[in-house]
Amino acid sequence: MAGLPTISFKDFVKNPIVALLFMSLMAIGYLYYDNKSTLTSQVKDLQEEVRSLQRDYKRLNDKFIDTLEKIHKK
């Protein structure tokens, strides 16, 4: 990381607006990362829930078809 500029506290004292903007940018970056990781985990959880509901639907649909066939045979 030889190309990165160094920022000291004295630089922030000289330009408090720049310091505030820098801290705001860091906060926005953190919130973006946190939101993205939260949404990713929610998507994974919901995908598993959809798979479970699909299995339940298939099982209930098969039972329904069996019941209709039994009624039709009588």
PDB file of N, CA and C in Angstrom:
ATOM      1  N   MET A   1       0.823  -1.175   0.000  1.00  0.00           N
ATOM      2  CA  MET A   1       0.000   0.000   0.000  1.00  0.00           C
ATOM      3  C   MET A   1       0.877   1.252   0.000  1.00  0.00           C
ATOM      4  N   ALA A   2       1.822   1.264  -0.845  1.00  0.00           N
ATOM      5  CA  ALA A   2       2.750   2.382  -0.904  1.00  0.00           C
ATOM      6  C   ALA A   2       2.120   3.609  -1.542  1.00  0.00           C
ATOM      7  N   GLY A   3       1.103   3.451  -2.359  1.00  0.00           N
ATOM      8  CA  GLY A   3       0.518   4.572  -3.075  1.00  0.00           C
ATOM      9  C   GLY A   3      -0.558   5.333  -2.312  1.00  0.00           C
ATOM     10  N   LEU A   4      -0.960   4.856  -1.133  1.00  0.00           N
ATOM     11  CA  LEU A   4      -2.024   5.513  -0.382  1.00  0.00           C
ATOM     12  C   LEU A   4      -1.491   6.740   0.355  1.00  0.00           C
ATOM     13  N   PRO A   5      -2.229   7.834   0.320  1.00  0.00           N
ATOM     14  CA  PRO A   5      -1.786   9.021   1.068  1.00  0.00           C
ATOM     15  C   PRO A   5      -2.030   8.830   2.556  1.00  0.00           C
ATOM     16  N   THR A   6      -1.196   9.443   3.349  1.00  0.00           N
ATOM     17  CA  THR A   6      -1.367   9.366   4.802  1.00  0.00           C
ATOM     18  C   THR A   6      -2.135  10.596   5.271  1.00  0.00           C
ATOM     19  N   ILE A   7      -3.046  10.385   6.192  1.00  0.00           N
ATOM     20  CA  ILE A   7      -3.851  11.466   6.737  1.00  0.00           C
ATOM     21  C   ILE A   7      -3.641  11.489   8.236  1.00  0.00           C
ATOM     22  N   SER A   8      -3.268  12.641   8.746  1.00  0.00           N
ATOM     23  CA  SER A   8      -3.037  12.750  10.180  1.00  0.00           C
ATOM     24  C   SER A   8      -4.154  13.567  10.831  1.00  0.00           C
ATOM     25  N   PHE A   9      -4.177  13.549  12.136  1.00  0.00           N
ATOM     26  CA  PHE A   9      -5.174  14.305  12.877  1.00  0.00           C
ATOM     27  C   PHE A   9      -4.998  15.806  12.639  1.00  0.00           C
ATOM     28  N   LYS A  10      -3.758  16.235  12.465  1.00  0.00           N
ATOM     29  CA  LYS A  10      -3.496  17.658  12.212  1.00  0.00           C
ATOM     30  C   LYS A  10      -4.162  18.112  10.908  1.00  0.00           C
ATOM     31  N   ASP A  11      -4.172  17.231   9.900  1.00  0.00           N
ATOM     32  CA  ASP A  11      -4.846  17.571   8.643  1.00  0.00           C
ATOM     33  C   ASP A  11      -6.349  17.746   8.864  1.00  0.00           C
ATOM     34  N   PHE A  12      -6.916  16.910   9.717  1.00  0.00           N
ATOM     35  CA  PHE A  12      -8.337  17.022  10.013  1.00  0.00           C
ATOM     36  C   PHE A  12      -8.639  18.307  10.786  1.00  0.00           C
ATOM     37  N   VAL A  13      -7.742  18.711  11.682  1.00  0.00           N
ATOM     38  CA  VAL A  13      -7.952  19.934  12.461  1.00  0.00           C
ATOM     39  C   VAL A  13      -7.908  21.153  11.534  1.00  0.00           C
ATOM     40  N   LYS A  14      -7.045  21.110  10.543  1.00  0.00           N
ATOM     41  CA  LYS A  14      -6.946  22.232   9.602  1.00  0.00           C
ATOM     42  C   LYS A  14      -8.196  22.350   8.734  1.00  0.00           C
ATOM     43  N   ASN A  15      -8.795  21.231   8.366  1.00  0.00           N
ATOM     44  CA  ASN A  15      -9.983  21.216   7.508  1.00  0.00           C
ATOM     45  C   ASN A  15     -11.072  20.358   8.144  1.00  0.00           C
ATOM     46  N   PRO A  16     -11.842  20.925   9.094  1.00  0.00           N
ATOM     47  CA  PRO A  16     -12.861  20.107   9.771  1.00  0.00           C
ATOM     48  C   PRO A  16     -13.975  19.631   8.826  1.00  0.00           C
ATOM     49  N   ILE A  17     -14.259  20.397   7.778  1.00  0.00           N
ATOM     50  CA  ILE A  17     -15.292  19.975   6.828  1.00  0.00           C
ATOM     51  C   ILE A  17     -14.840  18.720   6.084  1.00  0.00           C
ATOM     52  N   VAL A  18     -13.593  18.700   5.686  1.00  0.00           N
ATOM     53  CA  VAL A  18     -13.048  17.530   5.005  1.00  0.00           C
ATOM     54  C   VAL A  18     -13.063  16.330   5.944  1.00  0.00           C
ATOM     55  N   ALA A  19     -12.752  16.552   7.208  1.00  0.00           N
ATOM     56  CA  ALA A  19     -12.779  15.467   8.188  1.00  0.00           C
ATOM     57  C   ALA A  19     -14.195  14.914   8.341  1.00  0.00           C
ATOM     58  N   LEU A  20     -15.161  15.806   8.402  1.00  0.00           N
ATOM     59  CA  LEU A  20     -16.545  15.383   8.533  1.00  0.00           C
ATOM     60  C   LEU A  20     -16.992  14.605   7.295  1.00  0.00           C
ATOM     61  N   LEU A  21     -16.626  15.083   6.123  1.00  0.00           N
ATOM     62  CA  LEU A  21     -16.976  14.378   4.893  1.00  0.00           C
ATOM     63  C   LEU A  21     -16.310  13.004   4.823  1.00  0.00           C
ATOM     64  N   PHE A  22     -15.069  12.928   5.270  1.00  0.00           N
ATOM     65  CA  PHE A  22     -14.346  11.647   5.286  1.00  0.00           C
ATOM     66  C   PHE A  22     -15.038  10.653   6.212  1.00  0.00           C
ATOM     67  N   MET A  23     -15.409  11.111   7.411  1.00  0.00           N
ATOM     68  CA  MET A  23     -16.084  10.214   8.351  1.00  0.00           C
ATOM     69  C   MET A  23     -17.464   9.810   7.821  1.00  0.00           C
ATOM     70  N   SER A  24     -18.143  10.743   7.149  1.00  0.00           N
ATOM     71  CA  SER A  24     -19.450  10.421   6.555  1.00  0.00           C
ATOM     72  C   SER A  24     -19.291   9.365   5.466  1.00  0.00           C
ATOM     73  N   LEU A  25     -18.269   9.515   4.654  1.00  0.00           N
ATOM     74  CA  LEU A  25     -18.009   8.531   3.602  1.00  0.00           C
ATOM     75  C   LEU A  25     -17.719   7.156   4.192  1.00  0.00           C
ATOM     76  N   MET A  26     -16.960   7.107   5.266  1.00  0.00           N
ATOM     77  CA  MET A  26     -16.669   5.832   5.926  1.00  0.00           C
ATOM     78  C   MET A  26     -17.955   5.217   6.493  1.00  0.00           C
ATOM     79  N   ALA A  27     -18.811   6.044   7.080  1.00  0.00           N
ATOM     80  CA  ALA A  27     -20.065   5.532   7.641  1.00  0.00           C
ATOM     81  C   ALA A  27     -20.970   5.001   6.535  1.00  0.00           C
ATOM     82  N   ILE A  28     -21.063   5.720   5.435  1.00  0.00           N
ATOM     83  CA  ILE A  28     -21.896   5.267   4.321  1.00  0.00           C
ATOM     84  C   ILE A  28     -21.357   3.957   3.754  1.00  0.00           C
ATOM     85  N   GLY A  29     -20.043   3.840   3.641  1.00  0.00           N
ATOM     86  CA  GLY A  29     -19.433   2.603   3.153  1.00  0.00           C
ATOM     87  C   GLY A  29     -19.746   1.429   4.060  1.00  0.00           C
ATOM     88  N   TYR A  30     -19.660   1.659   5.378  1.00  0.00           N
ATOM     89  CA  TYR A  30     -19.965   0.592   6.325  1.00  0.00           C
ATOM     90  C   TYR A  30     -21.437   0.180   6.226  1.00  0.00           C
ATOM     91  N   LEU A  31     -22.330   1.159   6.161  1.00  0.00           N
ATOM     92  CA  LEU A  31     -23.758   0.852   6.078  1.00  0.00           C
ATOM     93  C   LEU A  31     -24.094   0.107   4.785  1.00  0.00           C
ATOM     94  N   TYR A  32     -23.447   0.466   3.687  1.00  0.00           N
ATOM     95  CA  TYR A  32     -23.664  -0.238   2.426  1.00  0.00           C
ATOM     96  C   TYR A  32     -23.238  -1.696   2.554  1.00  0.00           C
ATOM     97  N   TYR A  33     -22.054  -1.917   3.119  1.00  0.00           N
ATOM     98  CA  TYR A  33     -21.546  -3.282   3.290  1.00  0.00           C
ATOM     99  C   TYR A  33     -22.466  -4.082   4.213  1.00  0.00           C
ATOM    100  N   ASP A  34     -22.881  -3.484   5.314  1.00  0.00           N
ATOM    101  CA  ASP A  34     -23.740  -4.167   6.279  1.00  0.00           C
ATOM    102  C   ASP A  34     -25.083  -4.522   5.642  1.00  0.00           C
ATOM    103  N   ASN A  35     -25.656  -3.596   4.898  1.00  0.00           N
ATOM    104  CA  ASN A  35     -26.931  -3.843   4.237  1.00  0.00           C
ATOM    105  C   ASN A  35     -26.803  -4.961   3.204  1.00  0.00           C
ATOM    106  N   LYS A  36     -25.732  -4.945   2.441  1.00  0.00           N
ATOM    107  CA  LYS A  36     -25.533  -5.964   1.409  1.00  0.00           C
ATOM    108  C   LYS A  36     -25.366  -7.351   2.036  1.00  0.00           C
ATOM    109  N   SER A  37     -24.600  -7.448   3.117  1.00  0.00           N
ATOM    110  CA  SER A  37     -24.401  -8.751   3.748  1.00  0.00           C
ATOM    111  C   SER A  37     -25.688  -9.246   4.422  1.00  0.00           C
ATOM    112  N   THR A  38     -26.465  -8.325   4.986  1.00  0.00           N
ATOM    113  CA  THR A  38     -27.738  -8.710   5.598  1.00  0.00           C
ATOM    114  C   THR A  38     -28.705  -9.226   4.537  1.00  0.00           C
ATOM    115  N   LEU A  39     -28.789  -8.524   3.411  1.00  0.00           N
ATOM    116  CA  LEU A  39     -29.693  -8.955   2.347  1.00  0.00           C
ATOM    117  C   LEU A  39     -29.274 -10.302   1.773  1.00  0.00           C
ATOM    118  N   THR A  40     -27.969 -10.524   1.661  1.00  0.00           N
ATOM    119  CA  THR A  40     -27.481 -11.799   1.142  1.00  0.00           C
ATOM    120  C   THR A  40     -27.893 -12.944   2.059  1.00  0.00           C
ATOM    121  N   SER A  41     -27.760 -12.753   3.357  1.00  0.00           N
ATOM    122  CA  SER A  41     -28.144 -13.822   4.288  1.00  0.00           C
ATOM    123  C   SER A  41     -29.659 -14.029   4.278  1.00  0.00           C
ATOM    124  N   GLN A  42     -30.433 -12.949   4.126  1.00  0.00           N
ATOM    125  CA  GLN A  42     -31.882 -13.098   4.060  1.00  0.00           C
ATOM    126  C   GLN A  42     -32.303 -13.854   2.806  1.00  0.00           C
ATOM    127  N   VAL A  43     -31.647 -13.601   1.696  1.00  0.00           N
ATOM    128  CA  VAL A  43     -31.969 -14.310   0.451  1.00  0.00           C
ATOM    129  C   VAL A  43     -31.701 -15.800   0.621  1.00  0.00           C
ATOM    130  N   LYS A  44     -30.580 -16.154   1.234  1.00  0.00           N
ATOM    131  CA  LYS A  44     -30.262 -17.569   1.440  1.00  0.00           C
ATOM    132  C   LYS A  44     -31.306 -18.238   2.335  1.00  0.00           C
ATOM    133  N   ASP A  45     -31.715 -17.545   3.400  1.00  0.00           N
ATOM    134  CA  ASP A  45     -32.726 -18.106   4.300  1.00  0.00           C
ATOM    135  C   ASP A  45     -34.060 -18.291   3.580  1.00  0.00           C
ATOM    136  N   LEU A  46     -34.439 -17.305   2.781  1.00  0.00           N
ATOM    137  CA  LEU A  46     -35.713 -17.393   2.075  1.00  0.00           C
ATOM    138  C   LEU A  46     -35.683 -18.466   0.988  1.00  0.00           C
ATOM    139  N   GLN A  47     -34.537 -18.667   0.355  1.00  0.00           N
ATOM    140  CA  GLN A  47     -34.445 -19.736  -0.643  1.00  0.00           C
ATOM    141  C   GLN A  47     -34.666 -21.093   0.003  1.00  0.00           C
ATOM    142  N   GLU A  48     -34.108 -21.301   1.191  1.00  0.00           N
ATOM    143  CA  GLU A  48     -34.307 -22.571   1.899  1.00  0.00           C
ATOM    144  C   GLU A  48     -35.772 -22.728   2.295  1.00  0.00           C
ATOM    145  N   GLU A  49     -36.402 -21.637   2.711  1.00  0.00           N
ATOM    146  CA  GLU A  49     -37.816 -21.703   3.077  1.00  0.00           C
ATOM    147  C   GLU A  49     -38.672 -22.039   1.857  1.00  0.00           C
ATOM    148  N   VAL A  50     -38.350 -21.488   0.705  1.00  0.00           N
ATOM    149  CA  VAL A  50     -39.096 -21.792  -0.523  1.00  0.00           C
ATOM    150  C   VAL A  50     -38.948 -23.268  -0.867  1.00  0.00           C
ATOM    151  N   ARG A  51     -37.744 -23.808  -0.740  1.00  0.00           N
ATOM    152  CA  ARG A  51     -37.539 -25.240  -1.024  1.00  0.00           C
ATOM    153  C   ARG A  51     -38.397 -26.101  -0.099  1.00  0.00           C
ATOM    154  N   SER A  52     -38.447 -25.714   1.170  1.00  0.00           N
ATOM    155  CA  SER A  52     -39.256 -26.460   2.137  1.00  0.00           C
ATOM    156  C   SER A  52     -40.737 -26.388   1.783  1.00  0.00           C
ATOM    157  N   LEU A  53     -41.187 -25.205   1.422  1.00  0.00           N
ATOM    158  CA  LEU A  53     -42.601 -25.059   1.048  1.00  0.00           C
ATOM    159  C   LEU A  53     -42.918 -25.815  -0.235  1.00  0.00           C
ATOM    160  N   GLN A  54     -41.986 -25.896  -1.157  1.00  0.00           N
ATOM    161  CA  GLN A  54     -42.216 -26.670  -2.379  1.00  0.00           C
ATOM    162  C   GLN A  54     -42.366 -28.157  -2.059  1.00  0.00           C
ATOM    163  N   ARG A  55     -41.534 -28.651  -1.142  1.00  0.00           N
ATOM    164  CA  ARG A  55     -41.646 -30.057  -0.732  1.00  0.00           C
ATOM    165  C   ARG A  55     -43.001 -30.313  -0.072  1.00  0.00           C
ATOM    166  N   ASP A  56     -43.414 -29.399   0.808  1.00  0.00           N
ATOM    167  CA  ASP A  56     -44.712 -29.544   1.472  1.00  0.00           C
ATOM    168  C   ASP A  56     -45.853 -29.507   0.465  1.00  0.00           C
ATOM    169  N   TYR A  57     -45.761 -28.594  -0.492  1.00  0.00           N
ATOM    170  CA  TYR A  57     -46.792 -28.491  -1.519  1.00  0.00           C
ATOM    171  C   TYR A  57     -46.884 -29.785  -2.318  1.00  0.00           C
ATOM    172  N   LYS A  58     -45.748 -30.337  -2.715  1.00  0.00           N
ATOM    173  CA  LYS A  58     -45.754 -31.576  -3.500  1.00  0.00           C
ATOM    174  C   LYS A  58     -46.384 -32.716  -2.695  1.00  0.00           C
ATOM    175  N   ARG A  59     -46.027 -32.804  -1.426  1.00  0.00           N
ATOM    176  CA  ARG A  59     -46.571 -33.857  -0.576  1.00  0.00           C
ATOM    177  C   ARG A  59     -48.088 -33.713  -0.420  1.00  0.00           C
ATOM    178  N   LEU A  60     -48.557 -32.505  -0.164  1.00  0.00           N
ATOM    179  CA  LEU A  60     -49.995 -32.287  -0.013  1.00  0.00           C
ATOM    180  C   LEU A  60     -50.741 -32.478  -1.332  1.00  0.00           C
ATOM    181  N   ASN A  61     -50.138 -32.081  -2.420  1.00  0.00           N
ATOM    182  CA  ASN A  61     -50.771 -32.270  -3.728  1.00  0.00           C
ATOM    183  C   ASN A  61     -50.901 -33.756  -4.046  1.00  0.00           C
ATOM    184  N   ASP A  62     -49.865 -34.521  -3.723  1.00  0.00           N
ATOM    185  CA  ASP A  62     -49.951 -35.971  -3.943  1.00  0.00           C
ATOM    186  C   ASP A  62     -51.062 -36.588  -3.092  1.00  0.00           C
ATOM    187  N   LYS A  63     -51.191 -36.140  -1.837  1.00  0.00           N
ATOM    188  CA  LYS A  63     -52.267 -36.645  -0.982  1.00  0.00           C
ATOM    189  C   LYS A  63     -53.631 -36.275  -1.551  1.00  0.00           C
ATOM    190  N   PHE A  64     -53.751 -35.074  -2.042  1.00  0.00           N
ATOM    191  CA  PHE A  64     -55.003 -34.624  -2.625  1.00  0.00           C
ATOM    192  C   PHE A  64     -55.381 -35.468  -3.840  1.00  0.00           C
ATOM    193  N   ILE A  65     -54.421 -35.727  -4.687  1.00  0.00           N
ATOM    194  CA  ILE A  65     -54.669 -36.560  -5.878  1.00  0.00           C
ATOM    195  C   ILE A  65     -55.073 -37.964  -5.461  1.00  0.00           C
ATOM    196  N   ASP A  66     -54.396 -38.532  -4.467  1.00  0.00           N
ATOM    197  CA  ASP A  66     -54.766 -39.870  -3.972  1.00  0.00           C
ATOM    198  C   ASP A  66     -56.197 -39.883  -3.442  1.00  0.00           C
ATOM    199  N   THR A  67     -56.557 -38.844  -2.713  1.00  0.00           N
ATOM    200  CA  THR A  67     -57.906 -38.767  -2.161  1.00  0.00           C
ATOM    201  C   THR A  67     -58.945 -38.678  -3.277  1.00  0.00           C
ATOM    202  N   LEU A  68     -58.664 -37.864  -4.293  1.00  0.00           N
ATOM    203  CA  LEU A  68     -59.600 -37.756  -5.408  1.00  0.00           C
ATOM    204  C   LEU A  68     -59.726 -39.091  -6.155  1.00  0.00           C
ATOM    205  N   GLU A  69     -58.633 -39.798  -6.307  1.00  0.00           N
ATOM    206  CA  GLU A  69     -58.693 -41.107  -6.984  1.00  0.00           C
ATOM    207  C   GLU A  69     -59.504 -42.095  -6.166  1.00  0.00           C
ATOM    208  N   LYS A  70     -59.364 -42.081  -4.847  1.00  0.00           N
ATOM    209  CA  LYS A  70     -60.141 -42.979  -4.002  1.00  0.00           C
ATOM    210  C   LYS A  70     -61.634 -42.675  -4.098  1.00  0.00           C
ATOM    211  N   ILE A  71     -61.947 -41.377  -4.119  1.00  0.00           N
ATOM    212  CA  ILE A  71     -63.365 -40.986  -4.211  1.00  0.00           C
ATOM    213  C   ILE A  71     -63.923 -41.391  -5.570  1.00  0.00           C
ATOM    214  N   HIS A  72     -63.151 -41.226  -6.618  1.00  0.00           N
ATOM    215  CA  HIS A  72     -63.587 -41.542  -7.971  1.00  0.00           C
ATOM    216  C   HIS A  72     -63.807 -43.057  -8.137  1.00  0.00           C
ATOM    217  N   LYS A  73     -63.009 -43.876  -7.478  1.00  0.00           N
ATOM    218  CA  LYS A  73     -63.159 -45.336  -7.586  1.00  0.00           C
ATOM    219  C   LYS A  73     -64.425 -45.836  -6.911  1.00  0.00           C
ATOM    220  N   LYS A  74     -64.916 -45.132  -5.918  1.00  0.00           N
ATOM    221  CA  LYS A  74     -66.113 -45.593  -5.196  1.00  0.00           C
ATOM    222  C   LYS A  74     -67.284 -45.399  -6.029  1.00  0.00           C
TER     223      LYS A  74
END
